[in-house]
PDB file of all heavy atoms in Angstrom:
ATOM      1  N   ASP A   1      -1.875 -16.653 -17.947  1.00  0.00           N
ATOM      2  CA  ASP A   1      -1.057 -16.123 -16.867  1.00  0.00           C
ATOM      3  C   ASP A   1      -1.432 -14.659 -16.649  1.00  0.00           C
ATOM      4  O   ASP A   1      -1.045 -13.793 -17.429  1.00  0.00           O
ATOM      5  CB  ASP A   1       0.424 -16.257 -17.234  1.00  0.00           C
ATOM      6  CG  ASP A   1       1.352 -15.794 -16.128  1.00  0.00           C
ATOM      7  OD1 ASP A   1       0.860 -15.490 -15.021  1.00  0.00           O
ATOM      8  OD2 ASP A   1       2.567 -15.747 -16.370  1.00  0.00           O
ATOM      9  N   PHE A   2      -2.237 -14.399 -15.629  1.00  0.00           N
ATOM     10  CA  PHE A   2      -2.538 -13.016 -15.248  1.00  0.00           C
ATOM     11  C   PHE A   2      -1.309 -12.467 -14.554  1.00  0.00           C
ATOM     12  O   PHE A   2      -1.008 -12.849 -13.414  1.00  0.00           O
ATOM     13  CB  PHE A   2      -3.755 -12.952 -14.305  1.00  0.00           C
ATOM     14  CG  PHE A   2      -5.066 -13.169 -14.980  1.00  0.00           C
ATOM     15  CD1 PHE A   2      -5.698 -14.404 -14.905  1.00  0.00           C
ATOM     16  CD2 PHE A   2      -5.687 -12.142 -15.667  1.00  0.00           C
ATOM     17  CE1 PHE A   2      -6.920 -14.617 -15.520  1.00  0.00           C
ATOM     18  CE2 PHE A   2      -6.912 -12.335 -16.280  1.00  0.00           C
ATOM     19  CZ  PHE A   2      -7.530 -13.580 -16.206  1.00  0.00           C
ATOM     20  N   LYS A   3      -0.546 -11.643 -15.220  1.00  0.00           N
ATOM     21  CA  LYS A   3       0.676 -11.085 -14.639  1.00  0.00           C
ATOM     22  C   LYS A   3       0.330 -10.249 -13.406  1.00  0.00           C
ATOM     23  O   LYS A   3      -0.598  -9.432 -13.441  1.00  0.00           O
ATOM     24  CB  LYS A   3       1.423 -10.212 -15.650  1.00  0.00           C
ATOM     25  CG  LYS A   3       1.874 -10.957 -16.884  1.00  0.00           C
ATOM     26  CD  LYS A   3       3.007 -11.878 -16.567  1.00  0.00           C
ATOM     27  CE  LYS A   3       3.534 -12.536 -17.834  1.00  0.00           C
ATOM     28  NZ  LYS A   3       4.333 -13.688 -17.579  1.00  0.00           N
ATOM     29  N   SER A   4       1.057 -10.465 -12.341  1.00  0.00           N
ATOM     30  CA  SER A   4       0.799  -9.713 -11.127  1.00  0.00           C
ATOM     31  C   SER A   4       2.062  -9.601 -10.287  1.00  0.00           C
ATOM     32  O   SER A   4       3.042 -10.317 -10.508  1.00  0.00           O
ATOM     33  CB  SER A   4      -0.295 -10.400 -10.288  1.00  0.00           C
ATOM     34  OG  SER A   4       0.150 -11.658  -9.836  1.00  0.00           O
ATOM     35  N   GLY A   5       2.002  -8.697  -9.345  1.00  0.00           N
ATOM     36  CA  GLY A   5       3.054  -8.535  -8.363  1.00  0.00           C
ATOM     37  C   GLY A   5       2.417  -8.251  -7.026  1.00  0.00           C
ATOM     38  O   GLY A   5       1.207  -8.031  -6.917  1.00  0.00           O
ATOM     39  N   ILE A   6       3.220  -8.251  -5.985  1.00  0.00           N
ATOM     40  CA  ILE A   6       2.740  -7.992  -4.621  1.00  0.00           C
ATOM     41  C   ILE A   6       3.137  -6.564  -4.223  1.00  0.00           C
ATOM     42  O   ILE A   6       4.285  -6.159  -4.408  1.00  0.00           O
ATOM     43  CB  ILE A   6       3.372  -8.985  -3.617  1.00  0.00           C
ATOM     44  CG1 ILE A   6       3.083 -10.432  -4.014  1.00  0.00           C
ATOM     45  CG2 ILE A   6       2.901  -8.685  -2.200  1.00  0.00           C
ATOM     46  CD1 ILE A   6       1.646 -10.824  -3.954  1.00  0.00           C
ATOM     47  N   LEU A   7       2.164  -5.849  -3.680  1.00  0.00           N
ATOM     48  CA  LEU A   7       2.404  -4.521  -3.131  1.00  0.00           C
ATOM     49  C   LEU A   7       2.052  -4.588  -1.656  1.00  0.00           C
ATOM     50  O   LEU A   7       0.956  -4.993  -1.285  1.00  0.00           O
ATOM     51  CB  LEU A   7       1.540  -3.469  -3.826  1.00  0.00           C
ATOM     52  CG  LEU A   7       1.639  -2.046  -3.245  1.00  0.00           C
ATOM     53  CD1 LEU A   7       3.054  -1.504  -3.350  1.00  0.00           C
ATOM     54  CD2 LEU A   7       0.635  -1.133  -3.941  1.00  0.00           C
ATOM     55  N   ARG A   8       3.028  -4.222  -0.808  1.00  0.00           N
ATOM     56  CA  ARG A   8       2.839  -4.208   0.650  1.00  0.00           C
ATOM     57  C   ARG A   8       3.006  -2.774   1.124  1.00  0.00           C
ATOM     58  O   ARG A   8       4.073  -2.189   0.960  1.00  0.00           O
ATOM     59  CB  ARG A   8       3.856  -5.128   1.335  1.00  0.00           C
ATOM     60  CG  ARG A   8       3.627  -6.600   0.972  1.00  0.00           C
ATOM     61  CD  ARG A   8       4.753  -7.512   1.475  1.00  0.00           C
ATOM     62  NE  ARG A   8       5.134  -7.304   2.856  1.00  0.00           N
ATOM     63  CZ  ARG A   8       4.589  -7.922   3.903  1.00  0.00           C
ATOM     64  NH1 ARG A   8       3.636  -8.813   3.720  1.00  0.00           N
ATOM     65  NH2 ARG A   8       4.989  -7.671   5.130  1.00  0.00           N
ATOM     66  N   ILE A   9       1.926  -2.225   1.704  1.00  0.00           N
ATOM     67  CA  ILE A   9       1.942  -0.848   2.187  1.00  0.00           C
ATOM     68  C   ILE A   9       1.688  -0.849   3.685  1.00  0.00           C
ATOM     69  O   ILE A   9       0.681  -1.383   4.165  1.00  0.00           O
ATOM     70  CB  ILE A   9       0.861   0.013   1.489  1.00  0.00           C
ATOM     71  CG1 ILE A   9       1.078   0.025  -0.021  1.00  0.00           C
ATOM     72  CG2 ILE A   9       0.825   1.428   2.063  1.00  0.00           C
ATOM     73  CD1 ILE A   9       2.339   0.720  -0.471  1.00  0.00           C
ATOM     74  N   GLY A  10       2.595  -0.223   4.412  1.00  0.00           N
ATOM     75  CA  GLY A  10       2.475  -0.112   5.858  1.00  0.00           C
ATOM     76  C   GLY A  10       2.243   1.328   6.276  1.00  0.00           C
ATOM     77  O   GLY A  10       2.526   2.262   5.522  1.00  0.00           O
ATOM     78  N   ALA A  11       1.747   1.504   7.497  1.00  0.00           N
ATOM     79  CA  ALA A  11       1.586   2.826   8.080  1.00  0.00           C
ATOM     80  C   ALA A  11       2.164   2.775   9.482  1.00  0.00           C
ATOM     81  O   ALA A  11       1.774   1.940  10.299  1.00  0.00           O
ATOM     82  CB  ALA A  11       0.114   3.216   8.121  1.00  0.00           C
ATOM     83  N   VAL A  12       3.138   3.663   9.745  1.00  0.00           N
ATOM     84  CA  VAL A  12       3.844   3.660  11.021  1.00  0.00           C
ATOM     85  C   VAL A  12       4.032   5.082  11.533  1.00  0.00           C
ATOM     86  O   VAL A  12       3.924   6.054  10.771  1.00  0.00           O
ATOM     87  CB  VAL A  12       5.239   2.973  10.898  1.00  0.00           C
ATOM     88  CG1 VAL A  12       5.094   1.512  10.498  1.00  0.00           C
ATOM     89  CG2 VAL A  12       6.132   3.698   9.923  1.00  0.00           C
ATOM     90  N   SER A  13       4.325   5.163  12.816  1.00  0.00           N
ATOM     91  CA  SER A  13       4.782   6.410  13.415  1.00  0.00           C
ATOM     92  C   SER A  13       5.970   5.991  14.281  1.00  0.00           C
ATOM     93  O   SER A  13       5.771   5.440  15.364  1.00  0.00           O
ATOM     94  CB  SER A  13       3.682   7.055  14.263  1.00  0.00           C
ATOM     95  OG  SER A  13       4.189   8.243  14.860  1.00  0.00           O
ATOM     96  N   GLY A  14       7.157   6.188  13.761  1.00  0.00           N
ATOM     97  CA  GLY A  14       8.340   5.646  14.416  1.00  0.00           C
ATOM     98  C   GLY A  14       8.282   4.140  14.373  1.00  0.00           C
ATOM     99  O   GLY A  14       8.156   3.537  13.321  1.00  0.00           O
ATOM    100  N   ALA A  15       8.267   3.502  15.570  1.00  0.00           N
ATOM    101  CA  ALA A  15       8.202   2.043  15.631  1.00  0.00           C
ATOM    102  C   ALA A  15       6.786   1.525  15.841  1.00  0.00           C
ATOM    103  O   ALA A  15       6.555   0.326  15.834  1.00  0.00           O
ATOM    104  CB  ALA A  15       9.085   1.546  16.769  1.00  0.00           C
ATOM    105  N   GLU A  16       5.798   2.448  15.998  1.00  0.00           N
ATOM    106  CA  GLU A  16       4.421   2.026  16.252  1.00  0.00           C
ATOM    107  C   GLU A  16       3.634   1.906  14.952  1.00  0.00           C
ATOM    108  O   GLU A  16       3.796   2.706  14.032  1.00  0.00           O
ATOM    109  CB  GLU A  16       3.718   3.049  17.148  1.00  0.00           C
ATOM    110  CG  GLU A  16       4.244   3.059  18.568  1.00  0.00           C
ATOM    111  CD  GLU A  16       3.409   3.970  19.459  1.00  0.00           C
ATOM    112  OE1 GLU A  16       2.179   4.082  19.222  1.00  0.00           O
ATOM    113  OE2 GLU A  16       3.989   4.562  20.377  1.00  0.00           O
ATOM    114  N   LEU A  17       2.760   0.893  14.901  1.00  0.00           N
ATOM    115  CA  LEU A  17       1.884   0.715  13.747  1.00  0.00           C
ATOM    116  C   LEU A  17       0.732   1.697  13.832  1.00  0.00           C
ATOM    117  O   LEU A  17       0.208   1.987  14.912  1.00  0.00           O
ATOM    118  CB  LEU A  17       1.342  -0.725  13.706  1.00  0.00           C
ATOM    119  CG  LEU A  17       2.391  -1.817  13.586  1.00  0.00           C
ATOM    120  CD1 LEU A  17       1.735  -3.200  13.642  1.00  0.00           C
ATOM    121  CD2 LEU A  17       3.185  -1.672  12.307  1.00  0.00           C
ATOM    122  N   VAL A  18       0.318   2.239  12.674  1.00  0.00           N
ATOM    123  CA  VAL A  18      -0.754   3.228  12.597  1.00  0.00           C
ATOM    124  C   VAL A  18      -1.917   2.629  11.809  1.00  0.00           C
ATOM    125  O   VAL A  18      -1.727   2.046  10.736  1.00  0.00           O
ATOM    126  CB  VAL A  18      -0.242   4.515  11.909  1.00  0.00           C
ATOM    127  CG1 VAL A  18      -1.384   5.480  11.638  1.00  0.00           C
ATOM    128  CG2 VAL A  18       0.851   5.176  12.735  1.00  0.00           C
ATOM    129  N   ASP A  19      -3.121   2.804  12.323  1.00  0.00           N
ATOM    130  CA  ASP A  19      -4.331   2.397  11.612  1.00  0.00           C
ATOM    131  C   ASP A  19      -4.603   3.429  10.510  1.00  0.00           C
ATOM    132  O   ASP A  19      -4.782   4.612  10.794  1.00  0.00           O
ATOM    133  CB  ASP A  19      -5.499   2.333  12.614  1.00  0.00           C
ATOM    134  CG  ASP A  19      -6.779   1.793  12.001  1.00  0.00           C
ATOM    135  OD1 ASP A  19      -6.754   1.296  10.853  1.00  0.00           O
ATOM    136  OD2 ASP A  19      -7.819   1.870  12.693  1.00  0.00           O
ATOM    137  N   ALA A  20      -4.616   2.973   9.263  1.00  0.00           N
ATOM    138  CA  ALA A  20      -4.783   3.903   8.143  1.00  0.00           C
ATOM    139  C   ALA A  20      -5.550   3.237   7.008  1.00  0.00           C
ATOM    140  O   ALA A  20      -5.523   2.017   6.853  1.00  0.00           O
ATOM    141  CB  ALA A  20      -3.405   4.358   7.642  1.00  0.00           C
ATOM    142  N   THR A  21      -6.252   4.069   6.231  1.00  0.00           N
ATOM    143  CA  THR A  21      -6.896   3.586   5.023  1.00  0.00           C
ATOM    144  C   THR A  21      -5.925   3.761   3.858  1.00  0.00           C
ATOM    145  O   THR A  21      -5.095   4.674   3.849  1.00  0.00           O
ATOM    146  CB  THR A  21      -8.210   4.334   4.729  1.00  0.00           C
ATOM    147  OG1 THR A  21      -7.920   5.722   4.577  1.00  0.00           O
ATOM    148  CG2 THR A  21      -9.220   4.123   5.836  1.00  0.00           C
ATOM    149  N   LEU A  22      -6.046   2.880   2.876  1.00  0.00           N
ATOM    150  CA  LEU A  22      -5.139   2.886   1.735  1.00  0.00           C
ATOM    151  C   LEU A  22      -5.934   2.922   0.442  1.00  0.00           C
ATOM    152  O   LEU A  22      -6.955   2.245   0.314  1.00  0.00           O
ATOM    153  CB  LEU A  22      -4.283   1.616   1.710  1.00  0.00           C
ATOM    154  CG  LEU A  22      -3.555   1.231   3.001  1.00  0.00           C
ATOM    155  CD1 LEU A  22      -2.933  -0.145   2.857  1.00  0.00           C
ATOM    156  CD2 LEU A  22      -2.490   2.266   3.302  1.00  0.00           C
ATOM    157  N   SER A  23      -5.458   3.699  -0.517  1.00  0.00           N
ATOM    158  CA  SER A  23      -6.037   3.713  -1.845  1.00  0.00           C
ATOM    159  C   SER A  23      -4.886   3.625  -2.844  1.00  0.00           C
ATOM    160  O   SER A  23      -3.902   4.358  -2.728  1.00  0.00           O
ATOM    161  CB  SER A  23      -6.833   4.998  -2.071  1.00  0.00           C
ATOM    162  OG  SER A  23      -7.292   5.056  -3.410  1.00  0.00           O
ATOM    163  N   VAL A  24      -5.011   2.705  -3.811  1.00  0.00           N
ATOM    164  CA  VAL A  24      -3.971   2.489  -4.810  1.00  0.00           C
ATOM    165  C   VAL A  24      -4.600   2.674  -6.188  1.00  0.00           C
ATOM    166  O   VAL A  24      -5.526   1.940  -6.557  1.00  0.00           O
ATOM    167  CB  VAL A  24      -3.374   1.062  -4.677  1.00  0.00           C
ATOM    168  CG1 VAL A  24      -2.274   0.847  -5.706  1.00  0.00           C
ATOM    169  CG2 VAL A  24      -2.873   0.828  -3.260  1.00  0.00           C
ATOM    170  N   ARG A  25      -4.123   3.689  -6.935  1.00  0.00           N
ATOM    171  CA  ARG A  25      -4.635   3.967  -8.282  1.00  0.00           C
ATOM    172  C   ARG A  25      -3.473   4.004  -9.272  1.00  0.00           C
ATOM    173  O   ARG A  25      -2.362   4.354  -8.898  1.00  0.00           O
ATOM    174  CB  ARG A  25      -5.311   5.337  -8.329  1.00  0.00           C
ATOM    175  CG  ARG A  25      -6.585   5.414  -7.524  1.00  0.00           C
ATOM    176  CD  ARG A  25      -7.287   6.758  -7.770  1.00  0.00           C
ATOM    177  NE  ARG A  25      -8.472   6.880  -6.972  1.00  0.00           N
ATOM    178  CZ  ARG A  25      -9.657   6.387  -7.317  1.00  0.00           C
ATOM    179  NH1 ARG A  25      -9.800   5.772  -8.445  1.00  0.00           N
ATOM    180  NH2 ARG A  25     -10.697   6.529  -6.519  1.00  0.00           N
ATOM    181  N   PRO A  26      -3.742   3.691 -10.550  1.00  0.00           N
ATOM    182  CA  PRO A  26      -2.690   3.833 -11.544  1.00  0.00           C
ATOM    183  C   PRO A  26      -2.157   5.275 -11.543  1.00  0.00           C
ATOM    184  O   PRO A  26      -2.943   6.227 -11.385  1.00  0.00           O
ATOM    185  CB  PRO A  26      -3.401   3.516 -12.862  1.00  0.00           C
ATOM    186  CG  PRO A  26      -4.548   2.644 -12.466  1.00  0.00           C
ATOM    187  CD  PRO A  26      -4.986   3.162 -11.120  1.00  0.00           C
ATOM    188  N   ALA A  27      -0.845   5.432 -11.681  1.00  0.00           N
ATOM    189  CA  ALA A  27      -0.217   6.757 -11.604  1.00  0.00           C
ATOM    190  C   ALA A  27      -0.783   7.712 -12.661  1.00  0.00           C
ATOM    191  O   ALA A  27      -0.897   8.904 -12.419  1.00  0.00           O
ATOM    192  CB  ALA A  27       1.293   6.643 -11.756  1.00  0.00           C
ATOM    193  N   GLY A  28      -1.166   7.190 -13.804  1.00  0.00           N
ATOM    194  CA  GLY A  28      -1.713   8.021 -14.870  1.00  0.00           C
ATOM    195  C   GLY A  28      -3.183   8.317 -14.709  1.00  0.00           C
ATOM    196  O   GLY A  28      -3.793   8.936 -15.581  1.00  0.00           O
ATOM    197  N   GLY A  29      -3.800   7.857 -13.631  1.00  0.00           N
ATOM    198  CA  GLY A  29      -5.225   8.044 -13.416  1.00  0.00           C
ATOM    199  C   GLY A  29      -5.969   6.763 -13.774  1.00  0.00           C
ATOM    200  O   GLY A  29      -5.407   5.825 -14.307  1.00  0.00           O
TER     201      GLY A  29
END
């Protein structure tokens, strides 16, 4: 069982969707 969870990241400006790049790193580096 590879333990996992779901992370959903959005980018908005008010009610409009924004095109953005995302980077996710462990908080400790």
